[in-house]
Amino acid sequence: MTPKQMGRAYAFFDCKKSIKQIGRSISKIRRFAQIPPMVELKLVEGPKNLKTRDRQLKEIRDVATEENIRYAMKAMFPGRDNLSAVHELVTFMTQAYYSVLYQEGEPFRGKIIYKVDGKYVEWGKEKDN
């Protein structure tokens, strides 16, 4: 691993809570999920507001927008690879689902992606790609 390496992963998800309510819960969720402090999480309302130059990611972002997905979150893990970043983001999103952000039994709608060998794959569906 090089010092300039940056692991990245992205979540596109729905939540009935406002961006302010989610923002107020992030630090508590991080603490419960034991997300390392060096992992940076950026939340945006509207996937179209996720800034990127990556053509593949733009396409995924645009599909999420068309599907009326409400939020996008980017995880960045300095000095680690994309797989490490996706593990932290999956842990965070799992903890978020069991927090005050979702009602008990409320279905989760969304997906978490990361890049492997130059192609984005969805967490949990890697073998299908």
N, C-alpha and C. Protein backbone atom coordinates (compact mmCIF):
# COMPACT_ATOMS: atom_id res chain seq x y z
N MET A 1 0.84 -1.17 0.00
CA MET A 1 0.00 0.00 0.00
C MET A 1 0.89 1.25 0.00
N THR A 2 0.58 2.14 -0.89
CA THR A 2 1.33 3.38 -0.95
C THR A 2 0.65 4.41 -0.06
N PRO A 3 1.42 5.39 0.44
CA PRO A 3 0.81 6.40 1.31
C PRO A 3 -0.26 7.23 0.59
N LYS A 4 -0.18 7.33 -0.74
CA LYS A 4 -1.16 8.14 -1.47
C LYS A 4 -2.40 7.34 -1.86
N GLN A 5 -2.41 6.05 -1.57
CA GLN A 5 -3.56 5.23 -1.91
C GLN A 5 -4.79 5.69 -1.13
N MET A 6 -5.94 5.65 -1.80
CA MET A 6 -7.20 6.05 -1.16
C MET A 6 -8.27 5.04 -1.52
N GLY A 7 -8.75 4.30 -0.53
CA GLY A 7 -9.86 3.40 -0.76
C GLY A 7 -11.15 4.18 -0.84
N ARG A 8 -12.00 3.82 -1.81
CA ARG A 8 -13.27 4.53 -1.99
C ARG A 8 -14.41 3.52 -2.16
N ALA A 9 -15.55 3.90 -1.61
CA ALA A 9 -16.78 3.12 -1.78
C ALA A 9 -17.94 4.10 -1.71
N TYR A 10 -19.08 3.70 -2.28
CA TYR A 10 -20.23 4.60 -2.39
C TYR A 10 -21.51 3.85 -2.03
N ALA A 11 -22.37 4.54 -1.30
CA ALA A 11 -23.70 4.01 -0.98
C ALA A 11 -24.73 4.94 -1.60
N PHE A 12 -25.72 4.34 -2.23
CA PHE A 12 -26.89 5.06 -2.74
C PHE A 12 -28.08 4.45 -2.02
N PHE A 13 -28.82 5.29 -1.26
CA PHE A 13 -29.84 4.70 -0.40
C PHE A 13 -30.98 5.67 -0.13
N ASP A 14 -32.09 5.09 0.28
CA ASP A 14 -33.25 5.87 0.70
C ASP A 14 -33.33 5.89 2.21
N CYS A 15 -33.88 6.96 2.72
CA CYS A 15 -34.15 7.10 4.15
C CYS A 15 -35.21 8.18 4.26
N LYS A 16 -36.20 7.96 5.11
CA LYS A 16 -37.28 8.94 5.27
C LYS A 16 -36.85 10.17 6.06
N LYS A 17 -35.74 10.07 6.77
CA LYS A 17 -35.26 11.18 7.59
C LYS A 17 -34.61 12.25 6.72
N SER A 18 -34.59 13.47 7.23
CA SER A 18 -33.97 14.59 6.51
C SER A 18 -32.45 14.46 6.56
N ILE A 19 -31.80 15.19 5.68
CA ILE A 19 -30.33 15.18 5.67
C ILE A 19 -29.79 15.72 6.99
N LYS A 20 -30.48 16.67 7.60
CA LYS A 20 -30.05 17.19 8.91
C LYS A 20 -30.15 16.12 9.98
N GLN A 21 -31.25 15.35 9.97
CA GLN A 21 -31.41 14.28 10.96
C GLN A 21 -30.34 13.21 10.77
N ILE A 22 -30.05 12.87 9.52
CA ILE A 22 -29.00 11.88 9.26
C ILE A 22 -27.66 12.44 9.71
N GLY A 23 -27.38 13.69 9.35
CA GLY A 23 -26.12 14.32 9.73
C GLY A 23 -25.89 14.32 11.24
N ARG A 24 -26.96 14.57 12.00
CA ARG A 24 -26.84 14.57 13.47
C ARG A 24 -26.57 13.17 14.02
N SER A 25 -26.91 12.14 13.26
CA SER A 25 -26.74 10.76 13.73
C SER A 25 -25.41 10.13 13.31
N ILE A 26 -24.71 10.75 12.37
CA ILE A 26 -23.51 10.12 11.81
C ILE A 26 -22.46 9.81 12.87
N SER A 27 -22.14 10.75 13.75
CA SER A 27 -21.06 10.49 14.72
C SER A 27 -21.43 9.36 15.68
N LYS A 28 -22.69 9.31 16.09
CA LYS A 28 -23.13 8.24 16.99
C LYS A 28 -23.08 6.88 16.28
N ILE A 29 -23.53 6.84 15.03
CA ILE A 29 -23.49 5.60 14.25
C ILE A 29 -22.04 5.16 14.05
N ARG A 30 -21.16 6.10 13.72
CA ARG A 30 -19.73 5.80 13.55
C ARG A 30 -19.18 5.14 14.81
N ARG A 31 -19.53 5.73 15.97
CA ARG A 31 -19.03 5.23 17.24
C ARG A 31 -19.53 3.81 17.51
N PHE A 32 -20.82 3.58 17.34
CA PHE A 32 -21.38 2.24 17.56
C PHE A 32 -20.80 1.22 16.57
N ALA A 33 -20.58 1.65 15.33
CA ALA A 33 -20.07 0.75 14.29
C ALA A 33 -18.55 0.61 14.35
N GLN A 34 -17.91 1.41 15.20
CA GLN A 34 -16.45 1.40 15.37
C GLN A 34 -15.73 1.69 14.05
N ILE A 35 -16.20 2.71 13.35
CA ILE A 35 -15.56 3.13 12.10
C ILE A 35 -14.29 3.90 12.47
N PRO A 36 -13.15 3.53 11.90
CA PRO A 36 -11.90 4.24 12.22
C PRO A 36 -12.01 5.73 11.93
N PRO A 37 -11.40 6.56 12.77
CA PRO A 37 -11.52 8.01 12.60
C PRO A 37 -10.96 8.53 11.27
N MET A 38 -10.02 7.78 10.66
CA MET A 38 -9.45 8.26 9.40
C MET A 38 -10.37 8.03 8.20
N VAL A 39 -11.45 7.27 8.38
CA VAL A 39 -12.41 7.06 7.30
C VAL A 39 -13.29 8.30 7.20
N GLU A 40 -13.28 8.93 6.04
CA GLU A 40 -14.09 10.12 5.81
C GLU A 40 -15.40 9.71 5.13
N LEU A 41 -16.50 10.18 5.68
CA LEU A 41 -17.82 9.90 5.11
C LEU A 41 -18.43 11.22 4.65
N LYS A 42 -18.86 11.26 3.39
CA LYS A 42 -19.50 12.46 2.85
C LYS A 42 -20.91 12.09 2.39
N LEU A 43 -21.90 12.77 2.95
CA LEU A 43 -23.30 12.52 2.64
C LEU A 43 -23.82 13.66 1.78
N VAL A 44 -24.56 13.30 0.71
CA VAL A 44 -25.21 14.32 -0.12
C VAL A 44 -26.66 13.90 -0.35
N GLU A 45 -27.52 14.90 -0.42
CA GLU A 45 -28.91 14.63 -0.76
C GLU A 45 -29.03 14.74 -2.26
N GLY A 46 -29.55 13.69 -2.89
CA GLY A 46 -29.65 13.63 -4.34
C GLY A 46 -28.35 13.09 -4.91
N PRO A 47 -28.36 11.85 -5.40
CA PRO A 47 -27.14 11.28 -5.98
C PRO A 47 -26.49 12.16 -7.04
N LYS A 48 -27.31 12.93 -7.75
CA LYS A 48 -26.75 13.81 -8.79
C LYS A 48 -25.79 14.83 -8.20
N ASN A 49 -25.86 15.07 -6.90
CA ASN A 49 -24.97 16.02 -6.24
C ASN A 49 -23.65 15.40 -5.79
N LEU A 50 -23.47 14.11 -6.06
CA LEU A 50 -22.20 13.45 -5.77
C LEU A 50 -21.22 13.82 -6.88
N LYS A 51 -20.20 14.57 -6.53
CA LYS A 51 -19.23 15.06 -7.51
C LYS A 51 -18.25 13.96 -7.89
N THR A 52 -18.03 13.79 -9.19
CA THR A 52 -17.06 12.81 -9.67
C THR A 52 -16.68 13.11 -11.11
N ARG A 53 -15.50 12.68 -11.47
CA ARG A 53 -15.06 12.74 -12.87
C ARG A 53 -15.10 11.35 -13.51
N ASP A 54 -15.37 10.35 -12.70
CA ASP A 54 -15.38 8.95 -13.14
C ASP A 54 -16.64 8.68 -13.97
N ARG A 55 -16.46 8.35 -15.23
CA ARG A 55 -17.57 8.13 -16.15
C ARG A 55 -18.49 7.00 -15.68
N GLN A 56 -17.91 5.89 -15.23
CA GLN A 56 -18.71 4.76 -14.75
C GLN A 56 -19.55 5.16 -13.53
N LEU A 57 -18.92 5.88 -12.62
CA LEU A 57 -19.63 6.30 -11.41
C LEU A 57 -20.74 7.29 -11.76
N LYS A 58 -20.50 8.17 -12.73
CA LYS A 58 -21.54 9.10 -13.18
C LYS A 58 -22.76 8.35 -13.68
N GLU A 59 -22.53 7.27 -14.44
CA GLU A 59 -23.64 6.46 -14.96
C GLU A 59 -24.43 5.83 -13.81
N ILE A 60 -23.74 5.28 -12.83
CA ILE A 60 -24.39 4.66 -11.67
C ILE A 60 -25.16 5.73 -10.89
N ARG A 61 -24.55 6.87 -10.70
CA ARG A 61 -25.18 8.00 -10.01
C ARG A 61 -26.45 8.43 -10.74
N ASP A 62 -26.39 8.51 -12.07
CA ASP A 62 -27.54 8.93 -12.85
C ASP A 62 -28.69 7.92 -12.77
N VAL A 63 -28.36 6.64 -12.76
CA VAL A 63 -29.40 5.61 -12.60
C VAL A 63 -30.05 5.73 -11.23
N ALA A 64 -29.25 5.94 -10.19
CA ALA A 64 -29.79 6.11 -8.84
C ALA A 64 -30.73 7.32 -8.79
N THR A 65 -30.36 8.39 -9.49
CA THR A 65 -31.21 9.58 -9.55
C THR A 65 -32.53 9.25 -10.24
N GLU A 66 -32.46 8.53 -11.36
CA GLU A 66 -33.68 8.14 -12.10
C GLU A 66 -34.58 7.23 -11.26
N GLU A 67 -33.97 6.42 -10.39
CA GLU A 67 -34.72 5.52 -9.52
C GLU A 67 -35.23 6.21 -8.26
N ASN A 68 -35.06 7.53 -8.20
CA ASN A 68 -35.51 8.34 -7.06
C ASN A 68 -34.87 7.96 -5.74
N ILE A 69 -33.61 7.53 -5.80
CA ILE A 69 -32.85 7.28 -4.58
C ILE A 69 -32.54 8.65 -3.97
N ARG A 70 -32.72 8.79 -2.69
CA ARG A 70 -32.65 10.11 -2.06
C ARG A 70 -31.24 10.56 -1.67
N TYR A 71 -30.38 9.63 -1.24
CA TYR A 71 -29.07 10.01 -0.70
C TYR A 71 -27.93 9.22 -1.34
N ALA A 72 -26.75 9.84 -1.28
CA ALA A 72 -25.51 9.16 -1.65
C ALA A 72 -24.49 9.45 -0.56
N MET A 73 -23.66 8.47 -0.28
CA MET A 73 -22.59 8.64 0.69
C MET A 73 -21.31 8.08 0.10
N LYS A 74 -20.24 8.84 0.25
CA LYS A 74 -18.92 8.43 -0.22
C LYS A 74 -18.06 8.16 1.00
N ALA A 75 -17.40 7.00 0.99
CA ALA A 75 -16.44 6.68 2.05
C ALA A 75 -15.04 6.70 1.45
N MET A 76 -14.12 7.38 2.13
CA MET A 76 -12.74 7.44 1.69
C MET A 76 -11.85 7.00 2.84
N PHE A 77 -10.97 6.04 2.55
CA PHE A 77 -10.12 5.44 3.58
C PHE A 77 -8.66 5.60 3.15
N PRO A 78 -7.98 6.64 3.65
CA PRO A 78 -6.59 6.91 3.25
C PRO A 78 -5.66 5.75 3.57
N GLY A 79 -4.79 5.44 2.59
CA GLY A 79 -3.79 4.40 2.78
C GLY A 79 -4.31 2.98 2.68
N ARG A 80 -5.59 2.84 2.35
CA ARG A 80 -6.20 1.50 2.24
C ARG A 80 -6.82 1.32 0.86
N ASP A 81 -7.23 0.12 0.56
CA ASP A 81 -7.81 -0.17 -0.75
C ASP A 81 -9.33 -0.04 -0.74
N ASN A 82 -9.94 -0.20 -1.91
CA ASN A 82 -11.39 -0.06 -2.04
C ASN A 82 -12.14 -1.10 -1.21
N LEU A 83 -11.60 -2.30 -1.12
CA LEU A 83 -12.26 -3.34 -0.33
C LEU A 83 -12.33 -2.94 1.14
N SER A 84 -11.27 -2.34 1.65
CA SER A 84 -11.29 -1.87 3.04
C SER A 84 -12.33 -0.77 3.22
N ALA A 85 -12.42 0.13 2.24
CA ALA A 85 -13.40 1.22 2.31
C ALA A 85 -14.82 0.68 2.27
N VAL A 86 -15.06 -0.31 1.40
CA VAL A 86 -16.43 -0.84 1.31
C VAL A 86 -16.81 -1.58 2.58
N HIS A 87 -15.85 -2.26 3.21
CA HIS A 87 -16.16 -2.94 4.48
C HIS A 87 -16.61 -1.93 5.53
N GLU A 88 -15.93 -0.81 5.61
CA GLU A 88 -16.30 0.22 6.59
C GLU A 88 -17.67 0.83 6.25
N LEU A 89 -17.92 1.06 4.97
CA LEU A 89 -19.20 1.66 4.58
C LEU A 89 -20.36 0.68 4.81
N VAL A 90 -20.15 -0.58 4.53
CA VAL A 90 -21.18 -1.60 4.79
C VAL A 90 -21.46 -1.66 6.30
N THR A 91 -20.41 -1.63 7.11
CA THR A 91 -20.58 -1.65 8.56
C THR A 91 -21.37 -0.43 9.02
N PHE A 92 -21.01 0.74 8.48
CA PHE A 92 -21.72 1.97 8.84
C PHE A 92 -23.19 1.89 8.44
N MET A 93 -23.48 1.49 7.21
CA MET A 93 -24.86 1.45 6.72
C MET A 93 -25.69 0.41 7.47
N THR A 94 -25.06 -0.69 7.84
CA THR A 94 -25.78 -1.70 8.63
C THR A 94 -26.16 -1.12 9.99
N GLN A 95 -25.23 -0.43 10.63
CA GLN A 95 -25.52 0.19 11.92
C GLN A 95 -26.58 1.28 11.76
N ALA A 96 -26.50 2.04 10.66
CA ALA A 96 -27.49 3.09 10.41
C ALA A 96 -28.89 2.50 10.30
N TYR A 97 -28.98 1.34 9.67
CA TYR A 97 -30.29 0.70 9.50
C TYR A 97 -30.90 0.34 10.86
N TYR A 98 -30.06 0.01 11.83
CA TYR A 98 -30.56 -0.36 13.15
C TYR A 98 -30.57 0.82 14.12
N SER A 99 -30.52 2.02 13.58
CA SER A 99 -30.53 3.23 14.40
C SER A 99 -31.91 3.90 14.33
N VAL A 100 -31.98 5.10 14.88
CA VAL A 100 -33.23 5.87 14.85
C VAL A 100 -33.60 6.34 13.43
N LEU A 101 -32.72 6.13 12.47
CA LEU A 101 -32.98 6.59 11.10
C LEU A 101 -34.03 5.73 10.39
N TYR A 102 -34.22 4.52 10.85
CA TYR A 102 -35.18 3.61 10.22
C TYR A 102 -36.12 3.02 11.26
N GLN A 103 -37.36 2.83 10.86
CA GLN A 103 -38.32 2.15 11.72
C GLN A 103 -38.03 0.65 11.69
N GLU A 104 -38.33 -0.02 12.79
CA GLU A 104 -38.12 -1.47 12.83
C GLU A 104 -38.90 -2.14 11.70
N GLY A 105 -38.23 -2.98 10.95
CA GLY A 105 -38.86 -3.72 9.85
C GLY A 105 -38.98 -2.94 8.55
N GLU A 106 -38.60 -1.69 8.56
CA GLU A 106 -38.66 -0.88 7.34
C GLU A 106 -37.69 -1.45 6.30
N PRO A 107 -38.15 -1.67 5.09
CA PRO A 107 -37.24 -2.23 4.08
C PRO A 107 -36.13 -1.24 3.72
N PHE A 108 -34.95 -1.77 3.47
CA PHE A 108 -33.83 -0.94 3.04
C PHE A 108 -33.80 -0.95 1.52
N ARG A 109 -33.75 0.24 0.94
CA ARG A 109 -33.64 0.36 -0.52
C ARG A 109 -32.36 1.10 -0.83
N GLY A 110 -31.46 0.42 -1.48
CA GLY A 110 -30.20 1.03 -1.85
C GLY A 110 -29.17 0.00 -2.23
N LYS A 111 -27.96 0.50 -2.50
CA LYS A 111 -26.86 -0.40 -2.82
C LYS A 111 -25.55 0.28 -2.47
N ILE A 112 -24.54 -0.54 -2.28
CA ILE A 112 -23.20 -0.07 -1.95
C ILE A 112 -22.27 -0.62 -3.01
N ILE A 113 -21.46 0.27 -3.60
CA ILE A 113 -20.59 -0.14 -4.69
C ILE A 113 -19.15 0.24 -4.41
N TYR A 114 -18.26 -0.44 -5.09
CA TYR A 114 -16.83 -0.12 -5.03
C TYR A 114 -16.19 -0.65 -6.30
N LYS A 115 -15.00 -0.16 -6.61
CA LYS A 115 -14.33 -0.51 -7.86
C LYS A 115 -13.35 -1.65 -7.64
N VAL A 116 -13.45 -2.65 -8.52
CA VAL A 116 -12.54 -3.80 -8.52
C VAL A 116 -12.04 -3.97 -9.94
N ASP A 117 -10.74 -3.98 -10.11
CA ASP A 117 -10.15 -4.17 -11.44
C ASP A 117 -10.76 -3.25 -12.49
N GLY A 118 -10.96 -1.99 -12.12
CA GLY A 118 -11.45 -0.99 -13.06
C GLY A 118 -12.94 -1.00 -13.33
N LYS A 119 -13.69 -1.83 -12.58
CA LYS A 119 -15.14 -1.92 -12.80
C LYS A 119 -15.86 -1.84 -11.46
N TYR A 120 -16.96 -1.10 -11.42
CA TYR A 120 -17.75 -1.01 -10.19
C TYR A 120 -18.59 -2.26 -10.01
N VAL A 121 -18.59 -2.76 -8.78
CA VAL A 121 -19.40 -3.92 -8.42
C VAL A 121 -20.24 -3.55 -7.20
N GLU A 122 -21.37 -4.21 -7.09
CA GLU A 122 -22.25 -3.99 -5.93
C GLU A 122 -21.88 -4.96 -4.83
N TRP A 123 -21.75 -4.45 -3.62
CA TRP A 123 -21.43 -5.28 -2.46
C TRP A 123 -22.48 -6.37 -2.34
N GLY A 124 -22.00 -7.59 -2.16
CA GLY A 124 -22.90 -8.73 -2.00
C GLY A 124 -23.27 -9.39 -3.33
N LYS A 125 -22.92 -8.76 -4.44
CA LYS A 125 -23.23 -9.33 -5.75
C LYS A 125 -21.99 -9.45 -6.61
N GLU A 126 -20.82 -9.50 -5.99
CA GLU A 126 -19.55 -9.52 -6.71
C GLU A 126 -19.44 -10.68 -7.70
N LYS A 127 -19.95 -11.84 -7.33
CA LYS A 127 -19.81 -13.03 -8.19
C LYS A 127 -20.72 -12.95 -9.42
N ASP A 128 -21.74 -12.07 -9.37
CA ASP A 128 -22.64 -11.93 -10.51
C ASP A 128 -22.03 -11.09 -11.63
N ASN A 129 -20.97 -10.36 -11.31
CA ASN A 129 -20.38 -9.43 -12.30
C ASN A 129 -19.22 -10.04 -13.03
